PDB file of all heavy atoms in Angstrom:
ATOM      1  N   ARG A   1      -5.047   6.081  21.706  1.00  0.00           N
ATOM      2  CA  ARG A   1      -4.789   5.284  22.847  1.00  0.00           C
ATOM      3  C   ARG A   1      -6.006   4.816  23.571  1.00  0.00           C
ATOM      4  O   ARG A   1      -6.285   3.694  23.922  1.00  0.00           O
ATOM      5  CB  ARG A   1      -3.848   5.949  23.818  1.00  0.00           C
ATOM      6  CG  ARG A   1      -3.471   5.155  25.018  1.00  0.00           C
ATOM      7  CD  ARG A   1      -2.401   5.959  25.813  1.00  0.00           C
ATOM      8  NE  ARG A   1      -2.100   5.347  26.968  1.00  0.00           N
ATOM      9  CZ  ARG A   1      -1.379   4.212  27.251  1.00  0.00           C
ATOM     10  NH1 ARG A   1      -0.845   3.602  26.224  1.00  0.00           N
ATOM     11  NH2 ARG A   1      -1.252   3.752  28.453  1.00  0.00           N
ATOM     12  N   ASP A   2      -6.978   5.811  23.777  1.00  0.00           N
ATOM     13  CA  ASP A   2      -8.149   5.498  24.396  1.00  0.00           C
ATOM     14  C   ASP A   2      -9.034   4.576  23.545  1.00  0.00           C
ATOM     15  O   ASP A   2      -9.630   3.619  24.126  1.00  0.00           O
ATOM     16  CB  ASP A   2      -9.003   6.805  24.619  1.00  0.00           C
ATOM     17  CG  ASP A   2      -8.343   7.680  25.771  1.00  0.00           C
ATOM     18  OD1 ASP A   2      -7.544   7.190  26.424  1.00  0.00           O
ATOM     19  OD2 ASP A   2      -8.796   8.824  25.879  1.00  0.00           O
ATOM     20  N   ALA A   3      -9.101   4.751  22.276  1.00  0.00           N
ATOM     21  CA  ALA A   3      -9.793   3.781  21.465  1.00  0.00           C
ATOM     22  C   ALA A   3      -9.325   2.386  21.486  1.00  0.00           C
ATOM     23  O   ALA A   3     -10.033   1.417  21.504  1.00  0.00           O
ATOM     24  CB  ALA A   3      -9.896   4.326  19.968  1.00  0.00           C
ATOM     25  N   LYS A   4      -8.005   2.260  21.513  1.00  0.00           N
ATOM     26  CA  LYS A   4      -7.325   0.965  21.580  1.00  0.00           C
ATOM     27  C   LYS A   4      -7.717   0.269  22.855  1.00  0.00           C
ATOM     28  O   LYS A   4      -8.090  -0.871  22.880  1.00  0.00           O
ATOM     29  CB  LYS A   4      -5.913   1.052  21.427  1.00  0.00           C
ATOM     30  CG  LYS A   4      -5.108  -0.178  21.351  1.00  0.00           C
ATOM     31  CD  LYS A   4      -3.642   0.006  21.030  1.00  0.00           C
ATOM     32  CE  LYS A   4      -2.941  -1.309  20.750  1.00  0.00           C
ATOM     33  NZ  LYS A   4      -1.543  -1.092  20.318  1.00  0.00           N
ATOM     34  N   ALA A   5      -7.605   1.044  23.891  1.00  0.00           N
ATOM     35  CA  ALA A   5      -7.958   0.448  25.290  1.00  0.00           C
ATOM     36  C   ALA A   5      -9.505   0.028  25.280  1.00  0.00           C
ATOM     37  O   ALA A   5      -9.776  -1.095  25.772  1.00  0.00           O
ATOM     38  CB  ALA A   5      -7.638   1.457  26.354  1.00  0.00           C
ATOM     39  N   VAL A   6     -10.421   0.837  24.813  1.00  0.00           N
ATOM     40  CA  VAL A   6     -11.752   0.445  24.754  1.00  0.00           C
ATOM     41  C   VAL A   6     -11.892  -0.855  23.847  1.00  0.00           C
ATOM     42  O   VAL A   6     -12.722  -1.672  24.255  1.00  0.00           O
ATOM     43  CB  VAL A   6     -12.665   1.568  24.192  1.00  0.00           C
ATOM     44  CG1 VAL A   6     -14.076   1.069  23.896  1.00  0.00           C
ATOM     45  CG2 VAL A   6     -12.628   2.761  25.131  1.00  0.00           C
ATOM     46  N   HIS A   7     -11.322  -0.896  22.734  1.00  0.00           N
ATOM     47  CA  HIS A   7     -11.380  -2.137  21.894  1.00  0.00           C
ATOM     48  C   HIS A   7     -10.905  -3.376  22.720  1.00  0.00           C
ATOM     49  O   HIS A   7     -11.543  -4.448  22.636  1.00  0.00           O
ATOM     50  CB  HIS A   7     -10.578  -1.950  20.667  1.00  0.00           C
ATOM     51  CG  HIS A   7     -11.261  -1.202  19.679  1.00  0.00           C
ATOM     52  ND1 HIS A   7     -12.164  -1.629  18.780  1.00  0.00           N
ATOM     53  CD2 HIS A   7     -11.061   0.162  19.259  1.00  0.00           C
ATOM     54  CE1 HIS A   7     -12.542  -0.710  17.951  1.00  0.00           C
ATOM     55  NE2 HIS A   7     -11.946   0.395  18.248  1.00  0.00           N
ATOM     56  N   LEU A   8      -9.787  -3.156  23.417  1.00  0.00           N
ATOM     57  CA  LEU A   8      -9.284  -4.306  24.158  1.00  0.00           C
ATOM     58  C   LEU A   8     -10.212  -4.752  25.281  1.00  0.00           C
ATOM     59  O   LEU A   8     -10.438  -5.987  25.524  1.00  0.00           O
ATOM     60  CB  LEU A   8      -7.880  -4.051  24.656  1.00  0.00           C
ATOM     61  CG  LEU A   8      -6.830  -3.913  23.648  1.00  0.00           C
ATOM     62  CD1 LEU A   8      -5.590  -3.287  24.296  1.00  0.00           C
ATOM     63  CD2 LEU A   8      -6.541  -5.248  22.984  1.00  0.00           C
ATOM     64  N   LYS A   9     -10.820  -3.774  25.910  1.00  0.00           N
ATOM     65  CA  LYS A   9     -11.818  -4.157  26.970  1.00  0.00           C
ATOM     66  C   LYS A   9     -12.977  -4.851  26.422  1.00  0.00           C
ATOM     67  O   LYS A   9     -13.512  -5.867  26.966  1.00  0.00           O
ATOM     68  CB  LYS A   9     -12.330  -2.859  27.667  1.00  0.00           C
ATOM     69  CG  LYS A   9     -11.127  -2.199  28.595  1.00  0.00           C
ATOM     70  CD  LYS A   9     -11.672  -0.961  29.091  1.00  0.00           C
ATOM     71  CE  LYS A   9     -10.425  -0.271  29.877  1.00  0.00           C
ATOM     72  NZ  LYS A   9     -10.952   1.150  30.495  1.00  0.00           N
ATOM     73  N   LEU A  10     -13.482  -4.284  25.250  1.00  0.00           N
ATOM     74  CA  LEU A  10     -14.699  -4.998  24.614  1.00  0.00           C
ATOM     75  C   LEU A  10     -14.340  -6.287  24.153  1.00  0.00           C
ATOM     76  O   LEU A  10     -15.151  -7.267  24.163  1.00  0.00           O
ATOM     77  CB  LEU A  10     -15.200  -4.135  23.458  1.00  0.00           C
ATOM     78  CG  LEU A  10     -15.790  -2.774  23.899  1.00  0.00           C
ATOM     79  CD1 LEU A  10     -16.207  -1.858  22.634  1.00  0.00           C
ATOM     80  CD2 LEU A  10     -17.092  -3.052  24.744  1.00  0.00           C
ATOM     81  N   ASP A  11     -13.045  -6.479  23.588  1.00  0.00           N
ATOM     82  CA  ASP A  11     -12.618  -7.837  23.101  1.00  0.00           C
ATOM     83  C   ASP A  11     -12.683  -8.751  24.304  1.00  0.00           C
ATOM     84  O   ASP A  11     -13.146  -9.958  24.124  1.00  0.00           O
ATOM     85  CB  ASP A  11     -11.374  -7.742  22.484  1.00  0.00           C
ATOM     86  CG  ASP A  11     -11.331  -7.022  21.155  1.00  0.00           C
ATOM     87  OD1 ASP A  11     -12.339  -6.661  20.616  1.00  0.00           O
ATOM     88  OD2 ASP A  11     -10.123  -6.705  20.718  1.00  0.00           O
ATOM     89  N   GLU A  12     -12.188  -8.305  25.482  1.00  0.00           N
ATOM     90  CA  GLU A  12     -12.155  -9.189  26.565  1.00  0.00           C
ATOM     91  C   GLU A  12     -13.645  -9.557  27.061  1.00  0.00           C
ATOM     92  O   GLU A  12     -13.825 -10.724  27.363  1.00  0.00           O
ATOM     93  CB  GLU A  12     -11.491  -8.467  27.715  1.00  0.00           C
ATOM     94  CG  GLU A  12     -11.522  -9.220  29.097  1.00  0.00           C
ATOM     95  CD  GLU A  12     -10.832 -10.649  29.063  1.00  0.00           C
ATOM     96  OE1 GLU A  12     -10.241 -10.978  28.115  1.00  0.00           O
ATOM     97  OE2 GLU A  12     -11.121 -11.440  30.030  1.00  0.00           O
ATOM     98  N   LEU A  13     -14.483  -8.637  26.942  1.00  0.00           N
ATOM     99  CA  LEU A  13     -15.898  -8.993  27.308  1.00  0.00           C
ATOM    100  C   LEU A  13     -16.527  -9.929  26.318  1.00  0.00           C
ATOM    101  O   LEU A  13     -17.158 -10.945  26.762  1.00  0.00           O
ATOM    102  CB  LEU A  13     -16.724  -7.698  27.286  1.00  0.00           C
ATOM    103  CG  LEU A  13     -16.464  -6.806  28.513  1.00  0.00           C
ATOM    104  CD1 LEU A  13     -17.358  -5.464  28.347  1.00  0.00           C
ATOM    105  CD2 LEU A  13     -16.893  -7.351  29.800  1.00  0.00           C
ATOM    106  N   LEU A  14     -16.247  -9.847  24.984  1.00  0.00           N
ATOM    107  CA  LEU A  14     -16.712 -10.769  24.041  1.00  0.00           C
ATOM    108  C   LEU A  14     -16.167 -12.135  24.331  1.00  0.00           C
ATOM    109  O   LEU A  14     -16.886 -13.190  24.173  1.00  0.00           O
ATOM    110  CB  LEU A  14     -16.287 -10.363  22.628  1.00  0.00           C
ATOM    111  CG  LEU A  14     -17.210  -9.209  22.047  1.00  0.00           C
ATOM    112  CD1 LEU A  14     -16.615  -8.687  20.752  1.00  0.00           C
ATOM    113  CD2 LEU A  14     -18.705  -9.660  21.922  1.00  0.00           C
ATOM    114  N   ARG A  15     -14.949 -12.239  24.644  1.00  0.00           N
ATOM    115  CA  ARG A  15     -14.236 -13.517  24.909  1.00  0.00           C
ATOM    116  C   ARG A  15     -14.828 -14.115  26.224  1.00  0.00           C
ATOM    117  O   ARG A  15     -14.985 -15.340  26.221  1.00  0.00           O
ATOM    118  CB  ARG A  15     -12.728 -13.293  25.166  1.00  0.00           C
ATOM    119  CG  ARG A  15     -11.978 -14.538  25.198  1.00  0.00           C
ATOM    120  CD  ARG A  15     -10.587 -14.329  25.787  1.00  0.00           C
ATOM    121  NE  ARG A  15     -10.626 -13.808  27.250  1.00  0.00           N
ATOM    122  CZ  ARG A  15     -10.877 -14.380  28.322  1.00  0.00           C
ATOM    123  NH1 ARG A  15     -11.080 -15.715  28.259  1.00  0.00           N
ATOM    124  NH2 ARG A  15     -10.838 -13.970  29.457  1.00  0.00           N
ATOM    125  N   ALA A  16     -15.109 -13.344  27.212  1.00  0.00           N
ATOM    126  CA  ALA A  16     -15.560 -13.848  28.488  1.00  0.00           C
ATOM    127  C   ALA A  16     -17.107 -14.276  28.519  1.00  0.00           C
ATOM    128  O   ALA A  16     -17.450 -15.121  29.333  1.00  0.00           O
ATOM    129  CB  ALA A  16     -15.285 -12.899  29.491  1.00  0.00           C
ATOM    130  N   ILE A  17     -17.879 -13.667  27.627  1.00  0.00           N
ATOM    131  CA  ILE A  17     -19.300 -14.025  27.642  1.00  0.00           C
ATOM    132  C   ILE A  17     -19.600 -15.238  26.687  1.00  0.00           C
ATOM    133  O   ILE A  17     -19.380 -15.159  25.535  1.00  0.00           O
ATOM    134  CB  ILE A  17     -20.121 -12.750  27.294  1.00  0.00           C
ATOM    135  CG1 ILE A  17     -19.868 -11.618  28.279  1.00  0.00           C
ATOM    136  CG2 ILE A  17     -21.588 -13.118  27.154  1.00  0.00           C
ATOM    137  CD1 ILE A  17     -20.517 -10.279  27.868  1.00  0.00           C
ATOM    138  N   ARG A  18     -20.191 -16.303  27.354  1.00  0.00           N
ATOM    139  CA  ARG A  18     -20.551 -17.464  26.620  1.00  0.00           C
ATOM    140  C   ARG A  18     -21.674 -17.066  25.688  1.00  0.00           C
ATOM    141  O   ARG A  18     -22.630 -16.302  26.027  1.00  0.00           O
ATOM    142  CB  ARG A  18     -21.033 -18.475  27.628  1.00  0.00           C
ATOM    143  CG  ARG A  18     -21.347 -19.839  26.938  1.00  0.00           C
ATOM    144  CD  ARG A  18     -21.834 -20.855  27.880  1.00  0.00           C
ATOM    145  NE  ARG A  18     -21.250 -20.849  29.213  1.00  0.00           N
ATOM    146  CZ  ARG A  18     -20.314 -21.665  29.664  1.00  0.00           C
ATOM    147  NH1 ARG A  18     -19.788 -22.530  28.731  1.00  0.00           N
ATOM    148  NH2 ARG A  18     -19.782 -21.597  30.847  1.00  0.00           N
ATOM    149  N   GLY A  19     -21.568 -17.435  24.393  1.00  0.00           N
ATOM    150  CA  GLY A  19     -22.544 -17.165  23.461  1.00  0.00           C
ATOM    151  C   GLY A  19     -22.397 -15.880  22.724  1.00  0.00           C
ATOM    152  O   GLY A  19     -23.019 -15.619  21.717  1.00  0.00           O
ATOM    153  N   ALA A  20     -21.361 -15.066  23.121  1.00  0.00           N
ATOM    154  CA  ALA A  20     -21.088 -13.857  22.416  1.00  0.00           C
ATOM    155  C   ALA A  20     -20.465 -14.198  21.089  1.00  0.00           C
ATOM    156  O   ALA A  20     -19.745 -15.196  20.894  1.00  0.00           O
ATOM    157  CB  ALA A  20     -20.169 -13.040  23.204  1.00  0.00           C
ATOM    158  N   ARG A  21     -20.717 -13.424  20.022  1.00  0.00           N
ATOM    159  CA  ARG A  21     -20.151 -13.603  18.729  1.00  0.00           C
ATOM    160  C   ARG A  21     -18.691 -12.973  18.696  1.00  0.00           C
ATOM    161  O   ARG A  21     -18.618 -11.885  18.571  1.00  0.00           O
ATOM    162  CB  ARG A  21     -21.022 -12.996  17.634  1.00  0.00           C
ATOM    163  CG  ARG A  21     -22.399 -13.664  17.572  1.00  0.00           C
ATOM    164  CD  ARG A  21     -23.241 -13.122  16.398  1.00  0.00           C
ATOM    165  NE  ARG A  21     -23.775 -11.768  16.779  1.00  0.00           N
ATOM    166  CZ  ARG A  21     -24.445 -11.005  16.104  1.00  0.00           C
ATOM    167  NH1 ARG A  21     -24.680 -11.437  14.841  1.00  0.00           N
ATOM    168  NH2 ARG A  21     -24.902  -9.889  16.425  1.00  0.00           N
ATOM    169  N   THR A  22     -17.733 -13.861  18.832  1.00  0.00           N
ATOM    170  CA  THR A  22     -16.373 -13.438  18.901  1.00  0.00           C
ATOM    171  C   THR A  22     -15.859 -12.918  17.575  1.00  0.00           C
ATOM    172  O   THR A  22     -14.888 -12.245  17.501  1.00  0.00           O
ATOM    173  CB  THR A  22     -15.458 -14.577  19.434  1.00  0.00           C
ATOM    174  OG1 THR A  22     -15.597 -15.709  18.628  1.00  0.00           O
ATOM    175  CG2 THR A  22     -15.765 -14.886  20.841  1.00  0.00           C
ATOM    176  N   ASN A  23     -16.625 -13.155  16.555  1.00  0.00           N
ATOM    177  CA  ASN A  23     -16.167 -12.488  15.238  1.00  0.00           C
ATOM    178  C   ASN A  23     -16.482 -11.055  15.238  1.00  0.00           C
ATOM    179  O   ASN A  23     -16.133 -10.365  14.306  1.00  0.00           O
ATOM    180  CB  ASN A  23     -16.991 -13.214  14.010  1.00  0.00           C
ATOM    181  CG  ASN A  23     -18.495 -12.952  14.152  1.00  0.00           C
ATOM    182  OD1 ASN A  23     -19.058 -12.782  15.200  1.00  0.00           O
ATOM    183  ND2 ASN A  23     -19.158 -13.157  12.991  1.00  0.00           N
ATOM    184  N   MET A  24     -17.063 -10.481  16.317  1.00  0.00           N
ATOM    185  CA  MET A  24     -17.270  -9.050  16.408  1.00  0.00           C
ATOM    186  C   MET A  24     -15.980  -8.383  16.829  1.00  0.00           C
ATOM    187  O   MET A  24     -15.924  -7.108  16.815  1.00  0.00           O
ATOM    188  CB  MET A  24     -18.384  -8.734  17.372  1.00  0.00           C
ATOM    189  CG  MET A  24     -19.741  -9.221  17.111  1.00  0.00           C
ATOM    190  SD  MET A  24     -20.392  -8.216  15.712  1.00  0.00           S
ATOM    191  CE  MET A  24     -22.060  -8.724  15.732  1.00  0.00           C
ATOM    192  N   VAL A  25     -15.012  -9.079  17.229  1.00  0.00           N
ATOM    193  CA  VAL A  25     -13.744  -8.490  17.730  1.00  0.00           C
ATOM    194  C   VAL A  25     -13.140  -7.565  16.744  1.00  0.00           C
ATOM    195  O   VAL A  25     -12.570  -6.550  17.189  1.00  0.00           O
ATOM    196  CB  VAL A  25     -12.785  -9.590  18.135  1.00  0.00           C
ATOM    197  CG1 VAL A  25     -11.424  -9.019  18.512  1.00  0.00           C
ATOM    198  CG2 VAL A  25     -13.415 -10.373  19.382  1.00  0.00           C
ATOM    199  N   ASP A  26     -13.076  -7.965  15.388  1.00  0.00           N
ATOM    200  CA  ASP A  26     -12.368  -7.104  14.497  1.00  0.00           C
ATOM    201  C   ASP A  26     -13.323  -6.276  13.621  1.00  0.00           C
ATOM    202  O   ASP A  26     -12.989  -5.951  12.446  1.00  0.00           O
ATOM    203  CB  ASP A  26     -11.559  -7.979  13.660  1.00  0.00           C
ATOM    204  CG  ASP A  26     -10.440  -8.710  14.400  1.00  0.00           C
ATOM    205  OD1 ASP A  26      -9.933  -8.013  15.304  1.00  0.00           O
ATOM    206  OD2 ASP A  26     -10.071  -9.808  14.042  1.00  0.00           O
ATOM    207  N   LEU A  27     -14.390  -5.880  14.087  1.00  0.00           N
ATOM    208  CA  LEU A  27     -15.356  -5.104  13.281  1.00  0.00           C
ATOM    209  C   LEU A  27     -14.727  -3.848  12.686  1.00  0.00           C
ATOM    210  O   LEU A  27     -15.117  -3.444  11.526  1.00  0.00           O
ATOM    211  CB  LEU A  27     -16.656  -4.651  14.181  1.00  0.00           C
ATOM    212  CG  LEU A  27     -17.625  -5.616  14.432  1.00  0.00           C
ATOM    213  CD1 LEU A  27     -18.732  -5.059  15.291  1.00  0.00           C
ATOM    214  CD2 LEU A  27     -18.211  -6.237  13.161  1.00  0.00           C
ATOM    215  N   GLU A  28     -13.883  -3.224  13.341  1.00  0.00           N
ATOM    216  CA  GLU A  28     -13.238  -1.880  12.867  1.00  0.00           C
ATOM    217  C   GLU A  28     -12.394  -2.210  11.556  1.00  0.00           C
ATOM    218  O   GLU A  28     -12.138  -1.253  10.792  1.00  0.00           O
ATOM    219  CB  GLU A  28     -12.393  -1.225  13.835  1.00  0.00           C
ATOM    220  CG  GLU A  28     -11.204  -2.061  14.369  1.00  0.00           C
ATOM    221  CD  GLU A  28     -11.507  -2.989  15.478  1.00  0.00           C
ATOM    222  OE1 GLU A  28     -12.641  -3.261  15.887  1.00  0.00           O
ATOM    223  OE2 GLU A  28     -10.406  -3.476  15.939  1.00  0.00           O
ATOM    224  N   ASP A  29     -12.155  -3.449  11.316  1.00  0.00           N
ATOM    225  CA  ASP A  29     -11.356  -3.754  10.128  1.00  0.00           C
ATOM    226  C   ASP A  29     -12.221  -4.054   8.901  1.00  0.00           C
ATOM    227  O   ASP A  29     -11.698  -4.227   7.791  1.00  0.00           O
ATOM    228  CB  ASP A  29     -10.378  -4.978  10.360  1.00  0.00           C
ATOM    229  CG  ASP A  29      -9.337  -4.591  11.453  1.00  0.00           C
ATOM    230  OD1 ASP A  29      -8.918  -3.457  11.564  1.00  0.00           O
ATOM    231  OD2 ASP A  29      -8.900  -5.602  12.219  1.00  0.00           O
ATOM    232  N   LEU A  30     -13.544  -4.210   9.163  1.00  0.00           N
ATOM    233  CA  LEU A  30     -14.349  -4.462   8.019  1.00  0.00           C
ATOM    234  C   LEU A  30     -14.599  -3.346   6.979  1.00  0.00           C
ATOM    235  O   LEU A  30     -14.440  -2.190   7.379  1.00  0.00           O
ATOM    236  CB  LEU A  30     -15.845  -4.768   8.592  1.00  0.00           C
ATOM    237  CG  LEU A  30     -15.993  -6.079   9.313  1.00  0.00           C
ATOM    238  CD1 LEU A  30     -17.432  -6.279   9.803  1.00  0.00           C
ATOM    239  CD2 LEU A  30     -15.590  -7.395   8.496  1.00  0.00           C
ATOM    240  N   PRO A  31     -14.785  -3.682   5.803  1.00  0.00           N
ATOM    241  CA  PRO A  31     -15.146  -2.567   4.816  1.00  0.00           C
ATOM    242  C   PRO A  31     -16.404  -1.859   5.256  1.00  0.00           C
ATOM    243  O   PRO A  31     -17.294  -2.396   6.004  1.00  0.00           O
ATOM    244  CB  PRO A  31     -15.445  -3.328   3.536  1.00  0.00           C
ATOM    245  CG  PRO A  31     -14.909  -4.672   3.739  1.00  0.00           C
ATOM    246  CD  PRO A  31     -14.864  -4.925   5.082  1.00  0.00           C
TER     247      PRO A  31
END
């Protein structure tokens, strides 16, 4: 639950910051 909340918070930061690489949102799914 804590990890999911942290991921969502970081996703929101990536979405909100202009120039951030939004492809970083799903890093945990990468090989």
